[in-house]
Each structure stands twice: as structure tokens, then as C-alpha cells.
Amino acid sequence: MNSPNTLSTRSNSDPQISSAVTKLLEGARSAEKTDRRASPRHPYFQPVTVVSSDRKQKMTAFSREISESGIGLLHYMPVMPGEVTLTISGPLGAALRVRTEILWCRPCGEGWYLSGGQFLELAEQAAA
């Protein structure tokens, strides 16, 4: 008998769960087919610093996906459409600073938001 803190090695093959997850995945695939981006998206989950163009607002977000032309973000407060500077962390510590046009922002749960931005140009790197 397994204790509550022990992982079970038997698989959970509940047909109702399997069917429900399959429907979620089919919906996600359907949304991917209507993607209007010219560049393919790639999953990319890393911290991102978002700074407004007037430098008065700064917040932390997480990237969800990235392409050669833009980025999808997840964050805890709304971002107004317009220009920002993103500092995108790399998995090995390097970072990329890029001016980005936030095109849209929408709520995605209690206190969370999704947004999408189009890259404009690399930002000047600060002197080391």
C-alpha cells in the first residue's frame, strides 16, 4: 500500500480524463493553425524585465514563446499597448535587450495577464 507521500508507479488511464485532455490539445492545435505570424513560435520560458518607454514603470514577466519577430509574455499586471524595452534572460545567463511593441494584452485568470509583442530593434547594451 502506498503512503500519501509515495509516488505510485501505476498509470492513471481514466478514459474521461484522457478524453478531456485530448479535447484541450485539439483546441490548442486548432488555434495554432490560425496563427497569422510569419515566423514560427518556439516555447521559451524565461524571466523577462519589462520597462516602459518613459522608464517610469518596470516589472517582471515570463516569456511563454518566442519567434524571430516577437514574443508572448505572462505577467501579473496589465501592460498597455505601446513601446517597451524587454530584457530577456537566456538559459545560460546571457540576456538580450530589445525594443518591442506590445500589440495586445488580455486577462488570463485571477490577477494574471497574457500579452504579445513585436520586436522592433536591439536596444543599446549598457556599458559593463
N, C-alpha and C. Protein backbone atom coordinates (compact mmCIF):
# COMPACT_ATOMS: atom_id res chain seq x y z
N MET A 1 0.84 -1.18 0.00
CA MET A 1 0.00 0.00 0.00
C MET A 1 0.89 1.24 0.00
N ASN A 2 0.57 2.23 -0.83
CA ASN A 2 1.34 3.45 -0.94
C ASN A 2 0.90 4.46 0.10
N SER A 3 1.85 5.13 0.69
CA SER A 3 1.51 6.22 1.60
C SER A 3 1.19 7.46 0.74
N PRO A 4 0.55 8.48 1.29
CA PRO A 4 0.20 9.67 0.52
C PRO A 4 1.42 10.38 -0.07
N ASN A 5 2.59 10.21 0.52
CA ASN A 5 3.78 10.89 0.04
C ASN A 5 4.61 10.04 -0.93
N THR A 6 4.15 8.85 -1.25
CA THR A 6 4.87 7.97 -2.14
C THR A 6 4.26 8.03 -3.53
N LEU A 7 5.11 8.16 -4.55
CA LEU A 7 4.62 8.18 -5.92
C LEU A 7 4.18 6.79 -6.33
N SER A 8 3.06 6.71 -6.97
CA SER A 8 2.57 5.43 -7.48
C SER A 8 3.15 5.19 -8.86
N THR A 9 3.50 3.95 -9.16
CA THR A 9 4.05 3.62 -10.46
C THR A 9 2.99 3.17 -11.43
N ARG A 10 1.76 2.98 -10.98
CA ARG A 10 0.72 2.56 -11.91
C ARG A 10 0.21 3.79 -12.66
N SER A 11 -0.17 3.59 -13.91
CA SER A 11 -0.63 4.71 -14.71
C SER A 11 -2.11 4.96 -14.46
N ASN A 12 -2.49 6.21 -14.59
CA ASN A 12 -3.88 6.59 -14.46
C ASN A 12 -4.44 6.66 -15.87
N SER A 13 -5.18 5.67 -16.28
CA SER A 13 -5.71 5.64 -17.64
C SER A 13 -7.22 5.84 -17.63
N ASP A 14 -7.69 6.77 -16.83
CA ASP A 14 -9.12 7.09 -16.76
C ASP A 14 -9.55 7.63 -18.12
N PRO A 15 -10.49 6.96 -18.79
CA PRO A 15 -10.90 7.37 -20.12
C PRO A 15 -11.51 8.78 -20.16
N GLN A 16 -12.17 9.20 -19.09
CA GLN A 16 -12.76 10.54 -19.06
C GLN A 16 -11.67 11.61 -19.02
N ILE A 17 -10.63 11.38 -18.23
CA ILE A 17 -9.52 12.33 -18.17
C ILE A 17 -8.81 12.37 -19.52
N SER A 18 -8.55 11.21 -20.09
CA SER A 18 -7.88 11.12 -21.38
C SER A 18 -8.67 11.88 -22.45
N SER A 19 -9.97 11.70 -22.48
CA SER A 19 -10.82 12.37 -23.46
C SER A 19 -10.80 13.89 -23.25
N ALA A 20 -10.87 14.32 -22.01
CA ALA A 20 -10.88 15.75 -21.71
C ALA A 20 -9.56 16.40 -22.10
N VAL A 21 -8.44 15.75 -21.81
CA VAL A 21 -7.13 16.29 -22.17
C VAL A 21 -6.97 16.32 -23.69
N THR A 22 -7.44 15.29 -24.36
CA THR A 22 -7.39 15.26 -25.82
C THR A 22 -8.14 16.44 -26.42
N LYS A 23 -9.31 16.79 -25.86
CA LYS A 23 -10.07 17.94 -26.35
C LYS A 23 -9.31 19.24 -26.14
N LEU A 24 -8.63 19.38 -24.99
CA LEU A 24 -7.82 20.57 -24.75
C LEU A 24 -6.71 20.69 -25.79
N LEU A 25 -6.02 19.59 -26.05
CA LEU A 25 -4.93 19.60 -27.02
C LEU A 25 -5.43 19.88 -28.44
N GLU A 26 -6.58 19.33 -28.80
CA GLU A 26 -7.16 19.60 -30.12
C GLU A 26 -7.49 21.08 -30.28
N GLY A 27 -8.01 21.69 -29.23
CA GLY A 27 -8.29 23.13 -29.26
C GLY A 27 -7.03 23.95 -29.43
N ALA A 28 -5.96 23.54 -28.74
CA ALA A 28 -4.68 24.25 -28.86
C ALA A 28 -4.12 24.10 -30.27
N ARG A 29 -4.21 22.90 -30.84
CA ARG A 29 -3.72 22.68 -32.21
C ARG A 29 -4.52 23.50 -33.21
N SER A 30 -5.83 23.60 -32.99
CA SER A 30 -6.69 24.38 -33.88
C SER A 30 -6.29 25.85 -33.84
N ALA A 31 -6.00 26.36 -32.64
CA ALA A 31 -5.57 27.75 -32.51
C ALA A 31 -4.23 27.98 -33.20
N GLU A 32 -3.33 26.99 -33.13
CA GLU A 32 -2.03 27.11 -33.80
C GLU A 32 -2.20 27.24 -35.31
N LYS A 33 -3.19 26.55 -35.88
CA LYS A 33 -3.41 26.58 -37.33
C LYS A 33 -3.88 27.93 -37.81
N THR A 34 -4.50 28.73 -36.92
CA THR A 34 -4.97 30.06 -37.30
C THR A 34 -3.95 31.14 -36.97
N ASP A 35 -2.76 30.76 -36.57
CA ASP A 35 -1.70 31.70 -36.25
C ASP A 35 -1.33 32.50 -37.49
N ARG A 36 -1.32 33.81 -37.37
CA ARG A 36 -1.03 34.67 -38.51
C ARG A 36 0.41 35.15 -38.54
N ARG A 37 1.24 34.69 -37.63
CA ARG A 37 2.63 35.12 -37.62
C ARG A 37 3.39 34.56 -38.82
N ALA A 38 4.33 35.36 -39.30
CA ALA A 38 5.16 34.91 -40.42
C ALA A 38 6.27 33.98 -39.92
N SER A 39 6.68 34.15 -38.66
CA SER A 39 7.76 33.34 -38.10
C SER A 39 7.20 32.28 -37.16
N PRO A 40 7.75 31.07 -37.18
CA PRO A 40 7.26 30.04 -36.26
C PRO A 40 7.61 30.38 -34.81
N ARG A 41 6.71 30.02 -33.91
CA ARG A 41 6.91 30.23 -32.47
C ARG A 41 7.64 29.03 -31.87
N HIS A 42 8.38 29.32 -30.81
CA HIS A 42 9.09 28.26 -30.09
C HIS A 42 8.83 28.45 -28.60
N PRO A 43 8.50 27.39 -27.88
CA PRO A 43 8.32 27.53 -26.43
C PRO A 43 9.61 28.08 -25.81
N TYR A 44 9.47 29.05 -24.92
CA TYR A 44 10.65 29.66 -24.29
C TYR A 44 10.21 30.27 -22.98
N PHE A 45 10.45 29.58 -21.87
CA PHE A 45 10.01 30.04 -20.55
C PHE A 45 11.22 30.56 -19.78
N GLN A 46 11.35 31.88 -19.74
CA GLN A 46 12.46 32.55 -19.05
C GLN A 46 11.97 33.87 -18.46
N PRO A 47 12.65 34.37 -17.42
CA PRO A 47 12.27 35.68 -16.88
C PRO A 47 12.55 36.80 -17.89
N VAL A 48 11.68 37.81 -17.87
CA VAL A 48 11.80 38.97 -18.75
C VAL A 48 11.54 40.21 -17.91
N THR A 49 12.37 41.22 -18.06
CA THR A 49 12.12 42.52 -17.42
C THR A 49 11.48 43.43 -18.47
N VAL A 50 10.38 44.07 -18.10
CA VAL A 50 9.65 44.96 -18.99
C VAL A 50 9.79 46.37 -18.43
N VAL A 51 10.31 47.29 -19.25
CA VAL A 51 10.48 48.69 -18.84
C VAL A 51 9.75 49.57 -19.84
N SER A 52 8.88 50.45 -19.34
CA SER A 52 8.12 51.35 -20.21
C SER A 52 9.07 52.30 -20.93
N SER A 53 8.62 52.86 -22.06
CA SER A 53 9.47 53.73 -22.86
C SER A 53 9.90 54.98 -22.08
N ASP A 54 9.07 55.45 -21.13
CA ASP A 54 9.45 56.61 -20.32
C ASP A 54 10.26 56.21 -19.08
N ARG A 55 10.52 54.92 -18.93
CA ARG A 55 11.31 54.33 -17.84
C ARG A 55 10.67 54.54 -16.46
N LYS A 56 9.39 54.89 -16.41
CA LYS A 56 8.72 55.10 -15.13
C LYS A 56 8.14 53.81 -14.56
N GLN A 57 7.90 52.81 -15.41
CA GLN A 57 7.35 51.54 -14.94
C GLN A 57 8.29 50.40 -15.31
N LYS A 58 8.48 49.50 -14.34
CA LYS A 58 9.31 48.32 -14.55
C LYS A 58 8.63 47.15 -13.87
N MET A 59 8.59 46.01 -14.54
CA MET A 59 8.00 44.83 -13.94
C MET A 59 8.69 43.58 -14.48
N THR A 60 8.47 42.49 -13.78
CA THR A 60 8.99 41.20 -14.20
C THR A 60 7.87 40.41 -14.84
N ALA A 61 8.20 39.71 -15.91
CA ALA A 61 7.25 38.83 -16.61
C ALA A 61 7.99 37.54 -16.92
N PHE A 62 7.28 36.62 -17.54
CA PHE A 62 7.89 35.39 -18.05
C PHE A 62 7.54 35.26 -19.51
N SER A 63 8.52 34.89 -20.31
CA SER A 63 8.22 34.60 -21.71
C SER A 63 7.50 33.27 -21.77
N ARG A 64 6.61 33.15 -22.73
CA ARG A 64 5.89 31.89 -22.97
C ARG A 64 6.41 31.24 -24.24
N GLU A 65 6.64 32.09 -25.23
CA GLU A 65 7.10 31.63 -26.53
C GLU A 65 7.84 32.78 -27.18
N ILE A 66 8.66 32.42 -28.18
CA ILE A 66 9.45 33.44 -28.86
C ILE A 66 9.57 33.05 -30.33
N SER A 67 9.70 34.04 -31.17
CA SER A 67 9.96 33.83 -32.59
C SER A 67 10.98 34.87 -33.02
N GLU A 68 11.39 34.82 -34.25
CA GLU A 68 12.34 35.82 -34.74
C GLU A 68 11.72 37.21 -34.77
N SER A 69 10.39 37.28 -34.78
CA SER A 69 9.73 38.57 -34.91
C SER A 69 9.02 39.06 -33.65
N GLY A 70 8.87 38.20 -32.63
CA GLY A 70 8.14 38.66 -31.45
C GLY A 70 8.17 37.68 -30.31
N ILE A 71 7.35 38.00 -29.28
CA ILE A 71 7.37 37.25 -28.03
C ILE A 71 5.98 37.24 -27.40
N GLY A 72 5.67 36.17 -26.69
CA GLY A 72 4.47 36.08 -25.87
C GLY A 72 4.88 36.12 -24.42
N LEU A 73 4.17 36.90 -23.61
CA LEU A 73 4.53 37.09 -22.20
C LEU A 73 3.38 36.70 -21.27
N LEU A 74 3.74 36.35 -20.05
CA LEU A 74 2.82 36.10 -18.94
C LEU A 74 3.27 37.00 -17.80
N HIS A 75 2.32 37.76 -17.21
CA HIS A 75 2.70 38.72 -16.15
C HIS A 75 1.53 38.95 -15.21
N TYR A 76 1.80 39.61 -14.08
CA TYR A 76 0.82 39.77 -13.00
C TYR A 76 0.10 41.11 -13.01
N MET A 77 0.37 41.98 -13.97
CA MET A 77 -0.36 43.24 -14.08
C MET A 77 -0.50 43.58 -15.56
N PRO A 78 -1.51 44.36 -15.92
CA PRO A 78 -1.71 44.67 -17.34
C PRO A 78 -0.58 45.54 -17.90
N VAL A 79 -0.34 45.38 -19.20
CA VAL A 79 0.63 46.18 -19.92
C VAL A 79 -0.13 46.89 -21.03
N MET A 80 0.02 48.19 -21.11
CA MET A 80 -0.65 48.94 -22.16
C MET A 80 0.06 48.72 -23.49
N PRO A 81 -0.70 48.62 -24.58
CA PRO A 81 -0.05 48.53 -25.88
C PRO A 81 0.84 49.75 -26.10
N GLY A 82 1.97 49.51 -26.72
CA GLY A 82 2.94 50.57 -26.97
C GLY A 82 4.35 50.03 -26.82
N GLU A 83 5.30 50.92 -26.93
CA GLU A 83 6.70 50.52 -26.92
C GLU A 83 7.24 50.31 -25.51
N VAL A 84 8.00 49.24 -25.35
CA VAL A 84 8.70 48.92 -24.10
C VAL A 84 10.08 48.41 -24.47
N THR A 85 10.93 48.29 -23.47
CA THR A 85 12.21 47.60 -23.65
C THR A 85 12.17 46.34 -22.82
N LEU A 86 12.45 45.21 -23.46
CA LEU A 86 12.48 43.92 -22.78
C LEU A 86 13.92 43.49 -22.59
N THR A 87 14.21 42.98 -21.41
CA THR A 87 15.47 42.29 -21.17
C THR A 87 15.10 40.84 -20.97
N ILE A 88 15.46 40.01 -21.94
CA ILE A 88 15.06 38.61 -21.97
C ILE A 88 16.23 37.77 -21.49
N SER A 89 16.03 37.06 -20.39
CA SER A 89 17.09 36.21 -19.84
C SER A 89 17.30 34.99 -20.72
N GLY A 90 18.56 34.60 -20.80
CA GLY A 90 18.91 33.38 -21.52
C GLY A 90 19.12 32.25 -20.53
N PRO A 91 19.00 31.01 -20.97
CA PRO A 91 19.15 29.89 -20.05
C PRO A 91 20.56 29.76 -19.46
N LEU A 92 21.55 30.34 -20.11
CA LEU A 92 22.93 30.24 -19.61
C LEU A 92 23.42 31.55 -19.00
N GLY A 93 22.49 32.47 -18.72
CA GLY A 93 22.84 33.71 -18.04
C GLY A 93 22.94 34.92 -18.95
N ALA A 94 23.14 34.75 -20.24
CA ALA A 94 23.20 35.88 -21.16
C ALA A 94 21.82 36.50 -21.27
N ALA A 95 21.76 37.78 -21.60
CA ALA A 95 20.46 38.45 -21.74
C ALA A 95 20.44 39.24 -23.04
N LEU A 96 19.26 39.42 -23.56
CA LEU A 96 19.04 40.18 -24.78
C LEU A 96 18.14 41.36 -24.44
N ARG A 97 18.55 42.57 -24.83
CA ARG A 97 17.71 43.76 -24.64
C ARG A 97 17.16 44.15 -26.00
N VAL A 98 15.84 44.27 -26.09
CA VAL A 98 15.23 44.57 -27.38
C VAL A 98 14.03 45.49 -27.21
N ARG A 99 13.98 46.54 -28.05
CA ARG A 99 12.80 47.40 -28.08
C ARG A 99 11.67 46.60 -28.71
N THR A 100 10.50 46.65 -28.09
CA THR A 100 9.37 45.81 -28.50
C THR A 100 8.09 46.62 -28.47
N GLU A 101 7.23 46.39 -29.45
CA GLU A 101 5.91 47.00 -29.47
C GLU A 101 4.92 45.99 -28.91
N ILE A 102 4.34 46.30 -27.75
CA ILE A 102 3.30 45.44 -27.19
C ILE A 102 2.04 45.69 -28.01
N LEU A 103 1.52 44.63 -28.62
CA LEU A 103 0.38 44.76 -29.52
C LEU A 103 -0.95 44.49 -28.84
N TRP A 104 -0.94 43.64 -27.81
CA TRP A 104 -2.18 43.28 -27.13
C TRP A 104 -1.88 42.78 -25.73
N CYS A 105 -2.89 42.85 -24.88
CA CYS A 105 -2.80 42.34 -23.51
C CYS A 105 -4.21 41.94 -23.08
N ARG A 106 -4.34 40.76 -22.47
CA ARG A 106 -5.66 40.31 -22.01
C ARG A 106 -5.51 39.51 -20.71
N PRO A 107 -6.55 39.55 -19.87
CA PRO A 107 -6.50 38.76 -18.63
C PRO A 107 -6.56 37.27 -18.94
N CYS A 108 -5.93 36.48 -18.08
CA CYS A 108 -5.94 35.02 -18.29
C CYS A 108 -6.05 34.28 -16.98
N GLY A 109 -6.87 34.78 -16.09
CA GLY A 109 -7.03 34.16 -14.79
C GLY A 109 -6.94 35.22 -13.72
N GLU A 110 -7.16 34.83 -12.52
CA GLU A 110 -7.21 35.79 -11.42
C GLU A 110 -5.85 36.47 -11.20
N GLY A 111 -5.75 37.72 -11.64
CA GLY A 111 -4.55 38.51 -11.42
C GLY A 111 -3.43 38.26 -12.41
N TRP A 112 -3.64 37.49 -13.46
CA TRP A 112 -2.61 37.20 -14.46
C TRP A 112 -3.02 37.71 -15.83
N TYR A 113 -2.03 38.03 -16.66
CA TYR A 113 -2.28 38.57 -17.99
C TYR A 113 -1.34 37.93 -19.01
N LEU A 114 -1.83 37.85 -20.23
CA LEU A 114 -1.02 37.43 -21.37
C LEU A 114 -0.87 38.64 -22.28
N SER A 115 0.28 38.77 -22.93
CA SER A 115 0.45 39.83 -23.91
C SER A 115 1.34 39.32 -25.03
N GLY A 116 1.31 40.05 -26.13
CA GLY A 116 2.14 39.71 -27.27
C GLY A 116 2.82 40.95 -27.79
N GLY A 117 4.08 40.79 -28.17
CA GLY A 117 4.83 41.92 -28.67
C GLY A 117 5.61 41.60 -29.93
N GLN A 118 5.82 42.64 -30.73
CA GLN A 118 6.61 42.52 -31.95
C GLN A 118 7.94 43.21 -31.72
N PHE A 119 9.03 42.52 -32.02
CA PHE A 119 10.36 43.09 -31.86
C PHE A 119 10.56 44.23 -32.86
N LEU A 120 11.18 45.33 -32.37
CA LEU A 120 11.47 46.47 -33.23
C LEU A 120 12.95 46.53 -33.58
N GLU A 121 13.81 46.56 -32.55
CA GLU A 121 15.26 46.58 -32.78
C GLU A 121 15.99 46.28 -31.48
N LEU A 122 17.23 45.85 -31.60
CA LEU A 122 18.03 45.62 -30.41
C LEU A 122 18.25 46.94 -29.71
N ALA A 123 18.17 46.93 -28.40
CA ALA A 123 18.42 48.13 -27.60
C ALA A 123 19.92 48.24 -27.36
N GLU A 124 20.38 49.46 -27.13
CA GLU A 124 21.80 49.64 -26.81
C GLU A 124 22.11 48.90 -25.52
N GLN A 125 23.21 48.20 -25.51
CA GLN A 125 23.62 47.49 -24.31
C GLN A 125 24.32 48.48 -23.37
N ALA A 126 24.03 48.35 -22.08
CA ALA A 126 24.68 49.21 -21.09
C ALA A 126 26.15 48.82 -21.00
N ALA A 127 26.97 49.79 -20.72
CA ALA A 127 28.41 49.53 -20.57
C ALA A 127 28.65 48.63 -19.37
N ALA A 128 29.55 47.69 -19.51
CA ALA A 128 29.83 46.75 -18.42
C ALA A 128 30.71 47.37 -17.37
